[in-house]
Amino acid sequence: MDEAGKAYVLSEIRGRQVVSIAEGERPGQVKDLLIEPTEKKVIALVIGTSGGDSTLPLHAVRAIGPDAITIPDRTSLTPGLGESGKTFSELSKLPVLDAAGTDQGHLDDVTFELPSGVLISLKTKSGGVFGIGANRENLPAALVRSLGPSAVTVENLVP
């Protein structure tokens, strides 16, 4: 894989087709990310297929191109979401709180590295109406303390 060390943003790859090199098929498109909360890293892409959601482990991604994501073959996809990890969509519903207990909004986007899956940054959004006038903050992943079941916690942000 020549993608080593390259960063990707979920909002930029969401909806991108997945193409199986061996079969020449398009089994689905990127729907979400599966994140391992303890390790704070992406472990798989969630692919929407005609049979429901499937997971595509990051190590099975051959390339993320401007038009499609290539995988070796259909067997790279596993039906369902498995039991480990949380989807970014689930995490984005949780409040983001800093160490002082101040609400920083909620997760809006994420940047990660291939093939490691390491989180580089998280984008938060707060306020506004239907996204208009919202305050957006880009947080380095190093500030994230926990991706917990009830909240995402971060270090205090410097004003």
C-alpha atoms as a PDB file:
ATOM      1  CA  MET A   1       0.000   0.000   0.000  1.00  0.00           C
ATOM      2  CA  ASP A   2       1.439   3.368  -0.958  1.00  0.00           C
ATOM      3  CA  GLU A   3      -0.965   5.209   1.347  1.00  0.00           C
ATOM      4  CA  ALA A   4       1.338   4.978   4.392  1.00  0.00           C
ATOM      5  CA  GLY A   5       1.251   8.092   6.512  1.00  0.00           C
ATOM      6  CA  LYS A   6      -1.414   9.852   4.448  1.00  0.00           C
ATOM      7  CA  ALA A   7      -4.249  11.638   6.267  1.00  0.00           C
ATOM      8  CA  TYR A   8      -7.940  11.338   5.392  1.00  0.00           C
ATOM      9  CA  VAL A   9     -10.996  13.243   6.586  1.00  0.00           C
ATOM     10  CA  LEU A  10     -14.259  11.342   7.082  1.00  0.00           C
ATOM     11  CA  SER A  11     -16.409  14.035   5.460  1.00  0.00           C
ATOM     12  CA  GLU A  12     -14.249  13.821   2.321  1.00  0.00           C
ATOM     13  CA  ILE A  13     -14.459  10.032   1.923  1.00  0.00           C
ATOM     14  CA  ARG A  14     -18.043   9.484   3.118  1.00  0.00           C
ATOM     15  CA  GLY A  15     -20.107   8.292   0.155  1.00  0.00           C
ATOM     16  CA  ARG A  16     -17.044   7.236  -1.866  1.00  0.00           C
ATOM     17  CA  GLN A  17     -17.494   3.926  -3.710  1.00  0.00           C
ATOM     18  CA  VAL A  18     -15.524   0.837  -2.683  1.00  0.00           C
ATOM     19  CA  VAL A  19     -14.219  -1.195  -5.624  1.00  0.00           C
ATOM     20  CA  SER A  20     -13.049  -4.813  -5.433  1.00  0.00           C
ATOM     21  CA  ILE A  21      -9.983  -5.230  -7.666  1.00  0.00           C
ATOM     22  CA  ALA A  22     -10.385  -9.028  -8.075  1.00  0.00           C
ATOM     23  CA  GLU A  23     -14.072  -9.012  -9.007  1.00  0.00           C
ATOM     24  CA  GLY A  24     -14.367  -5.550 -10.575  1.00  0.00           C
ATOM     25  CA  GLU A  25     -17.448  -4.936  -8.421  1.00  0.00           C
ATOM     26  CA  ARG A  26     -18.661  -2.037  -6.336  1.00  0.00           C
ATOM     27  CA  PRO A  27     -19.920  -3.714  -3.162  1.00  0.00           C
ATOM     28  CA  GLY A  28     -20.852  -0.444  -1.465  1.00  0.00           C
ATOM     29  CA  GLN A  29     -19.790   2.970  -0.307  1.00  0.00           C
ATOM     30  CA  VAL A  30     -18.209   4.489   2.788  1.00  0.00           C
ATOM     31  CA  LYS A  31     -20.854   5.290   5.383  1.00  0.00           C
ATOM     32  CA  ASP A  32     -18.943   5.759   8.636  1.00  0.00           C
ATOM     33  CA  LEU A  33     -15.812   4.865  10.610  1.00  0.00           C
ATOM     34  CA  LEU A  34     -15.423   2.271  13.349  1.00  0.00           C
ATOM     35  CA  ILE A  35     -13.229   3.684  16.127  1.00  0.00           C
ATOM     36  CA  GLU A  36     -11.603   1.781  18.978  1.00  0.00           C
ATOM     37  CA  PRO A  37     -12.216   4.175  21.909  1.00  0.00           C
ATOM     38  CA  THR A  38      -9.430   2.953  24.204  1.00  0.00           C
ATOM     39  CA  GLU A  39      -6.730   3.110  21.538  1.00  0.00           C
ATOM     40  CA  LYS A  40      -8.280   6.252  19.991  1.00  0.00           C
ATOM     41  CA  LYS A  41      -7.840   4.965  16.473  1.00  0.00           C
ATOM     42  CA  VAL A  42      -9.888   4.001  13.458  1.00  0.00           C
ATOM     43  CA  ILE A  43     -10.015   0.228  13.035  1.00  0.00           C
ATOM     44  CA  ALA A  44     -12.350  -0.061  10.045  1.00  0.00           C
ATOM     45  CA  LEU A  45     -14.460   1.744   7.502  1.00  0.00           C
ATOM     46  CA  VAL A  46     -18.204   1.100   7.728  1.00  0.00           C
ATOM     47  CA  ILE A  47     -19.467   0.278   4.243  1.00  0.00           C
ATOM     48  CA  GLY A  48     -23.118   0.534   3.288  1.00  0.00           C
ATOM     49  CA  THR A  49     -23.948  -2.409   1.027  1.00  0.00           C
ATOM     50  CA  SER A  50     -27.157  -3.737  -0.498  1.00  0.00           C
ATOM     51  CA  GLY A  51     -27.193  -6.347   2.294  1.00  0.00           C
ATOM     52  CA  GLY A  52     -26.729  -3.828   5.136  1.00  0.00           C
ATOM     53  CA  ASP A  53     -23.638  -2.411   6.810  1.00  0.00           C
ATOM     54  CA  SER A  54     -20.312  -4.214   6.586  1.00  0.00           C
ATOM     55  CA  THR A  55     -16.890  -3.446   8.008  1.00  0.00           C
ATOM     56  CA  LEU A  56     -13.710  -3.057   6.018  1.00  0.00           C
ATOM     57  CA  PRO A  57     -10.597  -3.309   8.215  1.00  0.00           C
ATOM     58  CA  LEU A  58      -8.102  -0.541   7.450  1.00  0.00           C
ATOM     59  CA  HIS A  59      -5.384  -3.086   6.691  1.00  0.00           C
ATOM     60  CA  ALA A  60      -7.541  -4.355   3.774  1.00  0.00           C
ATOM     61  CA  VAL A  61      -7.684  -0.955   2.074  1.00  0.00           C
ATOM     62  CA  ARG A  62      -5.391  -0.987  -0.948  1.00  0.00           C
ATOM     63  CA  ALA A  63      -5.810   2.718  -1.790  1.00  0.00           C
ATOM     64  CA  ILE A  64      -8.063   5.692  -1.173  1.00  0.00           C
ATOM     65  CA  GLY A  65      -8.266   7.531  -4.449  1.00  0.00           C
ATOM     66  CA  PRO A  66     -10.193  10.653  -5.453  1.00  0.00           C
ATOM     67  CA  ASP A  67     -12.974   8.565  -7.028  1.00  0.00           C
ATOM     68  CA  ALA A  68     -12.948   5.222  -5.211  1.00  0.00           C
ATOM     69  CA  ILE A  69     -11.469   3.131  -2.431  1.00  0.00           C
ATOM     70  CA  THR A  70      -9.896  -0.072  -3.703  1.00  0.00           C
ATOM     71  CA  ILE A  71      -9.779  -3.391  -1.878  1.00  0.00           C
ATOM     72  CA  PRO A  72      -8.238  -6.708  -2.967  1.00  0.00           C
ATOM     73  CA  ASP A  73     -11.554  -8.620  -3.125  1.00  0.00           C
ATOM     74  CA  ARG A  74     -15.062  -8.897  -1.647  1.00  0.00           C
ATOM     75  CA  THR A  75     -13.838 -11.159   1.163  1.00  0.00           C
ATOM     76  CA  SER A  76     -12.219  -8.075   2.695  1.00  0.00           C
ATOM     77  CA  LEU A  77     -15.706  -7.019   3.855  1.00  0.00           C
ATOM     78  CA  THR A  78     -17.275  -8.517   6.966  1.00  0.00           C
ATOM     79  CA  PRO A  79     -21.068  -8.287   7.365  1.00  0.00           C
ATOM     80  CA  GLY A  80     -22.180  -6.238  10.387  1.00  0.00           C
ATOM     81  CA  LEU A  81     -20.219  -3.961  12.674  1.00  0.00           C
ATOM     82  CA  GLY A  82     -18.647  -6.538  14.957  1.00  0.00           C
ATOM     83  CA  GLU A  83     -18.502  -6.137  18.693  1.00  0.00           C
ATOM     84  CA  SER A  84     -15.498  -3.889  19.184  1.00  0.00           C
ATOM     85  CA  GLY A  85     -15.419  -0.191  18.579  1.00  0.00           C
ATOM     86  CA  LYS A  86     -17.939   2.609  18.205  1.00  0.00           C
ATOM     87  CA  THR A  87     -18.995   4.290  15.024  1.00  0.00           C
ATOM     88  CA  PHE A  88     -18.117   7.939  14.554  1.00  0.00           C
ATOM     89  CA  SER A  89     -21.860   8.578  14.232  1.00  0.00           C
ATOM     90  CA  GLU A  90     -22.382   7.186  17.748  1.00  0.00           C
ATOM     91  CA  LEU A  91     -19.548   9.288  19.162  1.00  0.00           C
ATOM     92  CA  SER A  92     -20.830  12.432  17.436  1.00  0.00           C
ATOM     93  CA  LYS A  93     -24.032  12.262  19.523  1.00  0.00           C
ATOM     94  CA  LEU A  94     -22.061  12.600  22.768  1.00  0.00           C
ATOM     95  CA  PRO A  95     -21.165  15.950  24.337  1.00  0.00           C
ATOM     96  CA  VAL A  96     -17.527  17.033  24.164  1.00  0.00           C
ATOM     97  CA  LEU A  97     -16.466  18.296  27.600  1.00  0.00           C
ATOM     98  CA  ASP A  98     -13.156  19.802  28.646  1.00  0.00           C
ATOM     99  CA  ALA A  99     -11.418  19.104  31.952  1.00  0.00           C
ATOM    100  CA  ALA A 100     -13.039  22.220  33.464  1.00  0.00           C
ATOM    101  CA  GLY A 101     -16.480  20.775  32.683  1.00  0.00           C
ATOM    102  CA  THR A 102     -17.206  23.216  29.856  1.00  0.00           C
ATOM    103  CA  ASP A 103     -19.334  21.919  26.981  1.00  0.00           C
ATOM    104  CA  GLN A 104     -17.368  22.210  23.737  1.00  0.00           C
ATOM    105  CA  GLY A 105     -20.231  21.001  21.524  1.00  0.00           C
ATOM    106  CA  HIS A 106     -20.148  17.669  19.708  1.00  0.00           C
ATOM    107  CA  LEU A 107     -17.915  15.890  17.190  1.00  0.00           C
ATOM    108  CA  ASP A 108     -18.439  16.988  13.617  1.00  0.00           C
ATOM    109  CA  ASP A 109     -15.565  15.372  11.697  1.00  0.00           C
ATOM    110  CA  VAL A 110     -12.371  13.389  12.154  1.00  0.00           C
ATOM    111  CA  THR A 111      -8.983  13.143  10.437  1.00  0.00           C
ATOM    112  CA  PHE A 112      -7.052   9.867  10.590  1.00  0.00           C
ATOM    113  CA  GLU A 113      -3.932   8.323   9.138  1.00  0.00           C
ATOM    114  CA  LEU A 114      -3.601   5.243   6.939  1.00  0.00           C
ATOM    115  CA  PRO A 115      -2.728   2.465   7.510  1.00  0.00           C
ATOM    116  CA  SER A 116      -2.336   2.933  11.275  1.00  0.00           C
ATOM    117  CA  GLY A 117      -5.783   4.439  11.845  1.00  0.00           C
ATOM    118  CA  VAL A 118      -4.296   6.875  14.353  1.00  0.00           C
ATOM    119  CA  LEU A 119      -6.539   9.872  14.966  1.00  0.00           C
ATOM    120  CA  ILE A 120      -4.871  13.130  13.945  1.00  0.00           C
ATOM    121  CA  SER A 121      -7.604  15.598  14.824  1.00  0.00           C
ATOM    122  CA  LEU A 122     -11.247  15.912  15.752  1.00  0.00           C
ATOM    123  CA  LYS A 123     -13.463  18.767  14.653  1.00  0.00           C
ATOM    124  CA  THR A 124     -16.122  19.962  17.072  1.00  0.00           C
ATOM    125  CA  LYS A 125     -19.181  22.069  16.342  1.00  0.00           C
ATOM    126  CA  SER A 126     -21.268  24.074  18.789  1.00  0.00           C
ATOM    127  CA  GLY A 127     -24.069  26.603  18.573  1.00  0.00           C
ATOM    128  CA  GLY A 128     -25.734  27.872  15.446  1.00  0.00           C
ATOM    129  CA  VAL A 129     -29.027  26.943  13.849  1.00  0.00           C
ATOM    130  CA  PHE A 130     -28.932  24.125  11.293  1.00  0.00           C
ATOM    131  CA  GLY A 131     -25.146  24.644  11.150  1.00  0.00           C
ATOM    132  CA  ILE A 132     -25.420  28.356  10.326  1.00  0.00           C
ATOM    133  CA  GLY A 133     -23.393  30.480  12.706  1.00  0.00           C
ATOM    134  CA  ALA A 134     -21.914  27.409  14.397  1.00  0.00           C
ATOM    135  CA  ASN A 135     -18.546  27.612  16.093  1.00  0.00           C
ATOM    136  CA  ARG A 136     -16.126  24.998  14.759  1.00  0.00           C
ATOM    137  CA  GLU A 137     -12.945  23.994  16.535  1.00  0.00           C
ATOM    138  CA  ASN A 138     -10.208  21.690  15.229  1.00  0.00           C
ATOM    139  CA  LEU A 139      -8.691  19.744  18.133  1.00  0.00           C
ATOM    140  CA  PRO A 140      -5.428  17.822  17.860  1.00  0.00           C
ATOM    141  CA  ALA A 141      -6.078  14.204  18.853  1.00  0.00           C
ATOM    142  CA  ALA A 142      -3.426  14.551  21.569  1.00  0.00           C
ATOM    143  CA  LEU A 143      -5.933  16.702  23.525  1.00  0.00           C
ATOM    144  CA  VAL A 144      -8.501  13.882  23.617  1.00  0.00           C
ATOM    145  CA  ARG A 145      -8.523  12.121  26.981  1.00  0.00           C
ATOM    146  CA  SER A 146     -11.406   9.731  26.468  1.00  0.00           C
ATOM    147  CA  LEU A 147     -13.996   8.568  23.980  1.00  0.00           C
ATOM    148  CA  GLY A 148     -16.287   7.329  26.720  1.00  0.00           C
ATOM    149  CA  PRO A 149     -19.798   5.899  26.749  1.00  0.00           C
ATOM    150  CA  SER A 150     -21.392   9.186  27.926  1.00  0.00           C
ATOM    151  CA  ALA A 151     -19.005  11.931  26.800  1.00  0.00           C
ATOM    152  CA  VAL A 152     -15.881  12.721  24.847  1.00  0.00           C
ATOM    153  CA  THR A 153     -13.431  14.415  27.186  1.00  0.00           C
ATOM    154  CA  VAL A 154     -10.599  16.723  26.163  1.00  0.00           C
ATOM    155  CA  GLU A 155      -7.945  18.836  27.830  1.00  0.00           C
ATOM    156  CA  ASN A 156      -8.858  22.440  28.604  1.00  0.00           C
ATOM    157  CA  LEU A 157      -8.729  24.520  25.467  1.00  0.00           C
ATOM    158  CA  VAL A 158      -6.618  27.655  25.512  1.00  0.00           C
ATOM    159  CA  PRO A 159      -8.769  30.663  24.500  1.00  0.00           C
END
